[in-house]
Amino acid sequence: MKRKKIIIGFTILGFIILQFVFYRLIGIWEEGAKHGFSQVTFILGVVLGVAYAYLAYIVDTRLPDDP
C-alpha cells in the first residue's frame, strides 16, 4: 500500500477511537447530570470533527505524493 494512504488511514482510525472514548466518558459523566447536558456530546463531536478535518488536511498536504 502507499505510505500516504496508510498514514491517513491511521489518522482516521485514531480519530474514531478518540471519538468513542469521549462518547463513553461523557455518557458516564451525564448519568448524574441534569437534563440538557446531552448537548455536550454534540458540541464536542462538532469541535472534534472540525479539528479532525483540519488535521487530515494538514497531513494530506504535507506528505509527498507516491510515484
PDB file of N, CA and C in Angstrom:
ATOM      1  N   MET A   1       0.845  -1.189   0.000  1.00  0.00           N
ATOM      2  CA  MET A   1       0.000   0.000   0.000  1.00  0.00           C
ATOM      3  C   MET A   1       0.880   1.238   0.000  1.00  0.00           C
ATOM      4  N   LYS A   2       0.296   2.305  -0.383  1.00  0.00           N
ATOM      5  CA  LYS A   2       1.049   3.546  -0.424  1.00  0.00           C
ATOM      6  C   LYS A   2       1.152   4.147   0.970  1.00  0.00           C
ATOM      7  N   ARG A   3       2.276   4.779   1.212  1.00  0.00           N
ATOM      8  CA  ARG A   3       2.571   5.340   2.536  1.00  0.00           C
ATOM      9  C   ARG A   3       1.553   6.400   2.944  1.00  0.00           C
ATOM     10  N   LYS A   4       1.184   7.247   2.014  1.00  0.00           N
ATOM     11  CA  LYS A   4       0.252   8.336   2.318  1.00  0.00           C
ATOM     12  C   LYS A   4      -1.112   7.788   2.739  1.00  0.00           C
ATOM     13  N   LYS A   5      -1.590   6.769   2.057  1.00  0.00           N
ATOM     14  CA  LYS A   5      -2.887   6.185   2.395  1.00  0.00           C
ATOM     15  C   LYS A   5      -2.853   5.503   3.758  1.00  0.00           C
ATOM     16  N   ILE A   6      -1.729   4.878   4.086  1.00  0.00           N
ATOM     17  CA  ILE A   6      -1.608   4.223   5.388  1.00  0.00           C
ATOM     18  C   ILE A   6      -1.647   5.255   6.510  1.00  0.00           C
ATOM     19  N   ILE A   7      -0.921   6.351   6.349  1.00  0.00           N
ATOM     20  CA  ILE A   7      -0.888   7.384   7.389  1.00  0.00           C
ATOM     21  C   ILE A   7      -2.259   8.027   7.558  1.00  0.00           C
ATOM     22  N   ILE A   8      -2.933   8.329   6.462  1.00  0.00           N
ATOM     23  CA  ILE A   8      -4.282   8.899   6.545  1.00  0.00           C
ATOM     24  C   ILE A   8      -5.233   7.889   7.194  1.00  0.00           C
ATOM     25  N   GLY A   9      -5.076   6.606   6.874  1.00  0.00           N
ATOM     26  CA  GLY A   9      -5.916   5.570   7.479  1.00  0.00           C
ATOM     27  C   GLY A   9      -5.734   5.491   8.986  1.00  0.00           C
ATOM     28  N   PHE A  10      -4.486   5.551   9.450  1.00  0.00           N
ATOM     29  CA  PHE A  10      -4.235   5.540  10.892  1.00  0.00           C
ATOM     30  C   PHE A  10      -4.756   6.808  11.559  1.00  0.00           C
ATOM     31  N   THR A  11      -4.688   7.930  10.862  1.00  0.00           N
ATOM     32  CA  THR A  11      -5.238   9.174  11.404  1.00  0.00           C
ATOM     33  C   THR A  11      -6.743   9.050  11.588  1.00  0.00           C
ATOM     34  N   ILE A  12      -7.421   8.496  10.606  1.00  0.00           N
ATOM     35  CA  ILE A  12      -8.872   8.303  10.698  1.00  0.00           C
ATOM     36  C   ILE A  12      -9.216   7.319  11.813  1.00  0.00           C
ATOM     37  N   LEU A  13      -8.469   6.220  11.904  1.00  0.00           N
ATOM     38  CA  LEU A  13      -8.708   5.233  12.952  1.00  0.00           C
ATOM     39  C   LEU A  13      -8.503   5.843  14.338  1.00  0.00           C
ATOM     40  N   GLY A  14      -7.449   6.625  14.493  1.00  0.00           N
ATOM     41  CA  GLY A  14      -7.198   7.293  15.772  1.00  0.00           C
ATOM     42  C   GLY A  14      -8.314   8.249  16.139  1.00  0.00           C
ATOM     43  N   PHE A  15      -8.837   8.976  15.157  1.00  0.00           N
ATOM     44  CA  PHE A  15      -9.937   9.895  15.420  1.00  0.00           C
ATOM     45  C   PHE A  15     -11.189   9.142  15.852  1.00  0.00           C
ATOM     46  N   ILE A  16     -11.486   8.032  15.204  1.00  0.00           N
ATOM     47  CA  ILE A  16     -12.674   7.259  15.566  1.00  0.00           C
ATOM     48  C   ILE A  16     -12.549   6.708  16.984  1.00  0.00           C
ATOM     49  N   ILE A  17     -11.374   6.217  17.330  1.00  0.00           N
ATOM     50  CA  ILE A  17     -11.157   5.707  18.687  1.00  0.00           C
ATOM     51  C   ILE A  17     -11.282   6.829  19.704  1.00  0.00           C
ATOM     52  N   LEU A  18     -10.705   7.989  19.416  1.00  0.00           N
ATOM     53  CA  LEU A  18     -10.806   9.136  20.317  1.00  0.00           C
ATOM     54  C   LEU A  18     -12.255   9.573  20.487  1.00  0.00           C
ATOM     55  N   GLN A  19     -13.013   9.599  19.410  1.00  0.00           N
ATOM     56  CA  GLN A  19     -14.421   9.980  19.480  1.00  0.00           C
ATOM     57  C   GLN A  19     -15.206   8.989  20.339  1.00  0.00           C
ATOM     58  N   PHE A  20     -14.917   7.698  20.205  1.00  0.00           N
ATOM     59  CA  PHE A  20     -15.596   6.686  21.010  1.00  0.00           C
ATOM     60  C   PHE A  20     -15.265   6.843  22.488  1.00  0.00           C
ATOM     61  N   VAL A  21     -14.005   7.131  22.809  1.00  0.00           N
ATOM     62  CA  VAL A  21     -13.603   7.330  24.208  1.00  0.00           C
ATOM     63  C   VAL A  21     -14.331   8.526  24.802  1.00  0.00           C
ATOM     64  N   PHE A  22     -14.382   9.638  24.070  1.00  0.00           N
ATOM     65  CA  PHE A  22     -15.104  10.806  24.566  1.00  0.00           C
ATOM     66  C   PHE A  22     -16.592  10.513  24.729  1.00  0.00           C
ATOM     67  N   TYR A  23     -17.161   9.756  23.805  1.00  0.00           N
ATOM     68  CA  TYR A  23     -18.572   9.395  23.891  1.00  0.00           C
ATOM     69  C   TYR A  23     -18.850   8.607  25.166  1.00  0.00           C
ATOM     70  N   ARG A  24     -17.989   7.641  25.471  1.00  0.00           N
ATOM     71  CA  ARG A  24     -18.177   6.831  26.681  1.00  0.00           C
ATOM     72  C   ARG A  24     -17.977   7.662  27.947  1.00  0.00           C
ATOM     73  N   LEU A  25     -16.948   8.511  27.969  1.00  0.00           N
ATOM     74  CA  LEU A  25     -16.686   9.328  29.153  1.00  0.00           C
ATOM     75  C   LEU A  25     -17.817  10.317  29.414  1.00  0.00           C
ATOM     76  N   ILE A  26     -18.331  10.931  28.363  1.00  0.00           N
ATOM     77  CA  ILE A  26     -19.437  11.873  28.536  1.00  0.00           C
ATOM     78  C   ILE A  26     -20.695  11.125  28.962  1.00  0.00           C
ATOM     79  N   GLY A  27     -20.908   9.914  28.447  1.00  0.00           N
ATOM     80  CA  GLY A  27     -22.052   9.108  28.870  1.00  0.00           C
ATOM     81  C   GLY A  27     -22.005   8.785  30.351  1.00  0.00           C
ATOM     82  N   ILE A  28     -20.829   8.450  30.852  1.00  0.00           N
ATOM     83  CA  ILE A  28     -20.674   8.180  32.283  1.00  0.00           C
ATOM     84  C   ILE A  28     -20.904   9.452  33.084  1.00  0.00           C
ATOM     85  N   TRP A  29     -20.368  10.565  32.606  1.00  0.00           N
ATOM     86  CA  TRP A  29     -20.495  11.837  33.312  1.00  0.00           C
ATOM     87  C   TRP A  29     -21.947  12.310  33.353  1.00  0.00           C
ATOM     88  N   GLU A  30     -22.717  12.039  32.287  1.00  0.00           N
ATOM     89  CA  GLU A  30     -24.091  12.531  32.204  1.00  0.00           C
ATOM     90  C   GLU A  30     -25.077  11.712  33.027  1.00  0.00           C
ATOM     91  N   GLU A  31     -24.676  10.577  33.551  1.00  0.00           N
ATOM     92  CA  GLU A  31     -25.609   9.755  34.327  1.00  0.00           C
ATOM     93  C   GLU A  31     -26.151  10.514  35.528  1.00  0.00           C
ATOM     94  N   GLY A  32     -25.322  11.306  36.182  1.00  0.00           N
ATOM     95  CA  GLY A  32     -25.770  12.058  37.347  1.00  0.00           C
ATOM     96  C   GLY A  32     -26.013  13.522  37.057  1.00  0.00           C
ATOM     97  N   ALA A  33     -25.909  13.929  35.803  1.00  0.00           N
ATOM     98  CA  ALA A  33     -26.068  15.341  35.459  1.00  0.00           C
ATOM     99  C   ALA A  33     -27.538  15.686  35.243  1.00  0.00           C
ATOM    100  N   LYS A  34     -27.813  16.970  35.228  1.00  0.00           N
ATOM    101  CA  LYS A  34     -29.174  17.442  34.980  1.00  0.00           C
ATOM    102  C   LYS A  34     -29.520  17.303  33.500  1.00  0.00           C
ATOM    103  N   HIS A  35     -30.801  17.437  33.195  1.00  0.00           N
ATOM    104  CA  HIS A  35     -31.280  17.361  31.821  1.00  0.00           C
ATOM    105  C   HIS A  35     -30.689  18.522  31.019  1.00  0.00           C
ATOM    106  N   GLY A  36     -30.297  18.268  29.798  1.00  0.00           N
ATOM    107  CA  GLY A  36     -29.753  19.310  28.938  1.00  0.00           C
ATOM    108  C   GLY A  36     -28.253  19.198  28.736  1.00  0.00           C
ATOM    109  N   PHE A  37     -27.612  18.343  29.492  1.00  0.00           N
ATOM    110  CA  PHE A  37     -26.176  18.191  29.335  1.00  0.00           C
ATOM    111  C   PHE A  37     -25.810  17.294  28.154  1.00  0.00           C
ATOM    112  N   SER A  38     -26.800  16.717  27.503  1.00  0.00           N
ATOM    113  CA  SER A  38     -26.504  15.869  26.346  1.00  0.00           C
ATOM    114  C   SER A  38     -25.985  16.688  25.167  1.00  0.00           C
ATOM    115  N   GLN A  39     -26.179  17.995  25.205  1.00  0.00           N
ATOM    116  CA  GLN A  39     -25.644  18.857  24.152  1.00  0.00           C
ATOM    117  C   GLN A  39     -24.129  18.853  24.152  1.00  0.00           C
ATOM    118  N   VAL A  40     -23.533  18.511  25.281  1.00  0.00           N
ATOM    119  CA  VAL A  40     -22.077  18.460  25.362  1.00  0.00           C
ATOM    120  C   VAL A  40     -21.530  17.446  24.367  1.00  0.00           C
ATOM    121  N   THR A  41     -22.191  16.318  24.230  1.00  0.00           N
ATOM    122  CA  THR A  41     -21.745  15.298  23.285  1.00  0.00           C
ATOM    123  C   THR A  41     -21.790  15.830  21.861  1.00  0.00           C
ATOM    124  N   PHE A  42     -22.860  16.507  21.518  1.00  0.00           N
ATOM    125  CA  PHE A  42     -22.988  17.060  20.172  1.00  0.00           C
ATOM    126  C   PHE A  42     -21.935  18.126  19.911  1.00  0.00           C
ATOM    127  N   ILE A  43     -21.768  19.049  20.845  1.00  0.00           N
ATOM    128  CA  ILE A  43     -20.808  20.140  20.661  1.00  0.00           C
ATOM    129  C   ILE A  43     -19.387  19.589  20.579  1.00  0.00           C
ATOM    130  N   LEU A  44     -19.061  18.636  21.443  1.00  0.00           N
ATOM    131  CA  LEU A  44     -17.730  18.037  21.400  1.00  0.00           C
ATOM    132  C   LEU A  44     -17.511  17.304  20.084  1.00  0.00           C
ATOM    133  N   GLY A  45     -18.536  16.638  19.586  1.00  0.00           N
ATOM    134  CA  GLY A  45     -18.425  15.965  18.291  1.00  0.00           C
ATOM    135  C   GLY A  45     -18.177  16.940  17.157  1.00  0.00           C
ATOM    136  N   VAL A  46     -18.846  18.082  17.191  1.00  0.00           N
ATOM    137  CA  VAL A  46     -18.637  19.099  16.158  1.00  0.00           C
ATOM    138  C   VAL A  46     -17.218  19.650  16.231  1.00  0.00           C
ATOM    139  N   VAL A  47     -16.777  19.977  17.435  1.00  0.00           N
ATOM    140  CA  VAL A  47     -15.430  20.532  17.599  1.00  0.00           C
ATOM    141  C   VAL A  47     -14.369  19.520  17.166  1.00  0.00           C
ATOM    142  N   LEU A  48     -14.524  18.269  17.584  1.00  0.00           N
ATOM    143  CA  LEU A  48     -13.561  17.246  17.179  1.00  0.00           C
ATOM    144  C   LEU A  48     -13.618  16.979  15.679  1.00  0.00           C
ATOM    145  N   GLY A  49     -14.803  17.058  15.092  1.00  0.00           N
ATOM    146  CA  GLY A  49     -14.924  16.874  13.648  1.00  0.00           C
ATOM    147  C   GLY A  49     -14.201  17.951  12.867  1.00  0.00           C
ATOM    148  N   VAL A  50     -14.333  19.191  13.308  1.00  0.00           N
ATOM    149  CA  VAL A  50     -13.630  20.295  12.652  1.00  0.00           C
ATOM    150  C   VAL A  50     -12.121  20.144  12.840  1.00  0.00           C
ATOM    151  N   ALA A  51     -11.708  19.786  14.053  1.00  0.00           N
ATOM    152  CA  ALA A  51     -10.278  19.591  14.316  1.00  0.00           C
ATOM    153  C   ALA A  51      -9.723  18.444  13.475  1.00  0.00           C
ATOM    154  N   TYR A  52     -10.487  17.368  13.333  1.00  0.00           N
ATOM    155  CA  TYR A  52     -10.030  16.250  12.517  1.00  0.00           C
ATOM    156  C   TYR A  52      -9.923  16.651  11.051  1.00  0.00           C
ATOM    157  N   ALA A  53     -10.899  17.385  10.543  1.00  0.00           N
ATOM    158  CA  ALA A  53     -10.849  17.809   9.145  1.00  0.00           C
ATOM    159  C   ALA A  53      -9.605  18.653   8.887  1.00  0.00           C
ATOM    160  N   TYR A  54      -9.283  19.532   9.822  1.00  0.00           N
ATOM    161  CA  TYR A  54      -8.079  20.355   9.682  1.00  0.00           C
ATOM    162  C   TYR A  54      -6.822  19.486   9.756  1.00  0.00           C
ATOM    163  N   LEU A  55      -6.788  18.544  10.692  1.00  0.00           N
ATOM    164  CA  LEU A  55      -5.639  17.656  10.831  1.00  0.00           C
ATOM    165  C   LEU A  55      -5.444  16.806   9.577  1.00  0.00           C
ATOM    166  N   ALA A  56      -6.515  16.264   9.049  1.00  0.00           N
ATOM    167  CA  ALA A  56      -6.417  15.450   7.837  1.00  0.00           C
ATOM    168  C   ALA A  56      -5.928  16.286   6.662  1.00  0.00           C
ATOM    169  N   TYR A  57      -6.369  17.534   6.574  1.00  0.00           N
ATOM    170  CA  TYR A  57      -5.914  18.421   5.502  1.00  0.00           C
ATOM    171  C   TYR A  57      -4.418  18.694   5.630  1.00  0.00           C
ATOM    172  N   ILE A  58      -3.960  18.981   6.853  1.00  0.00           N
ATOM    173  CA  ILE A  58      -2.542  19.264   7.075  1.00  0.00           C
ATOM    174  C   ILE A  58      -1.691  18.036   6.749  1.00  0.00           C
ATOM    175  N   VAL A  59      -2.111  16.868   7.221  1.00  0.00           N
ATOM    176  CA  VAL A  59      -1.356  15.640   6.948  1.00  0.00           C
ATOM    177  C   VAL A  59      -1.335  15.355   5.453  1.00  0.00           C
ATOM    178  N   ASP A  60      -2.454  15.542   4.786  1.00  0.00           N
ATOM    179  CA  ASP A  60      -2.544  15.247   3.362  1.00  0.00           C
ATOM    180  C   ASP A  60      -1.669  16.179   2.534  1.00  0.00           C
ATOM    181  N   THR A  61      -1.610  17.450   2.907  1.00  0.00           N
ATOM    182  CA  THR A  61      -0.820  18.391   2.114  1.00  0.00           C
ATOM    183  C   THR A  61       0.674  18.287   2.392  1.00  0.00           C
ATOM    184  N   ARG A  62       1.064  17.855   3.570  1.00  0.00           N
ATOM    185  CA  ARG A  62       2.496  17.792   3.905  1.00  0.00           C
ATOM    186  C   ARG A  62       3.169  16.501   3.449  1.00  0.00           C
ATOM    187  N   LEU A  63       2.406  15.454   3.241  1.00  0.00           N
ATOM    188  CA  LEU A  63       3.012  14.203   2.792  1.00  0.00           C
ATOM    189  C   LEU A  63       3.273  14.269   1.293  1.00  0.00           C
ATOM    190  N   PRO A  64       4.435  13.780   0.875  1.00  0.00           N
ATOM    191  CA  PRO A  64       4.702  13.779  -0.571  1.00  0.00           C
ATOM    192  C   PRO A  64       3.856  12.719  -1.267  1.00  0.00           C
ATOM    193  N   ASP A  65       3.541  12.978  -2.518  1.00  0.00           N
ATOM    194  CA  ASP A  65       2.784  12.005  -3.305  1.00  0.00           C
ATOM    195  C   ASP A  65       3.686  10.839  -3.682  1.00  0.00           C
ATOM    196  N   ASP A  66       3.133   9.642  -3.634  1.00  0.00           N
ATOM    197  CA  ASP A  66       3.891   8.462  -4.037  1.00  0.00           C
ATOM    198  C   ASP A  66       3.940   8.390  -5.556  1.00  0.00           C
ATOM    199  N   PRO A  67       5.065   7.905  -6.089  1.00  0.00           N
ATOM    200  CA  PRO A  67       5.157   7.811  -7.568  1.00  0.00           C
ATOM    201  C   PRO A  67       4.277   6.719  -8.133  1.00  0.00           C
TER     202      PRO A  67
END
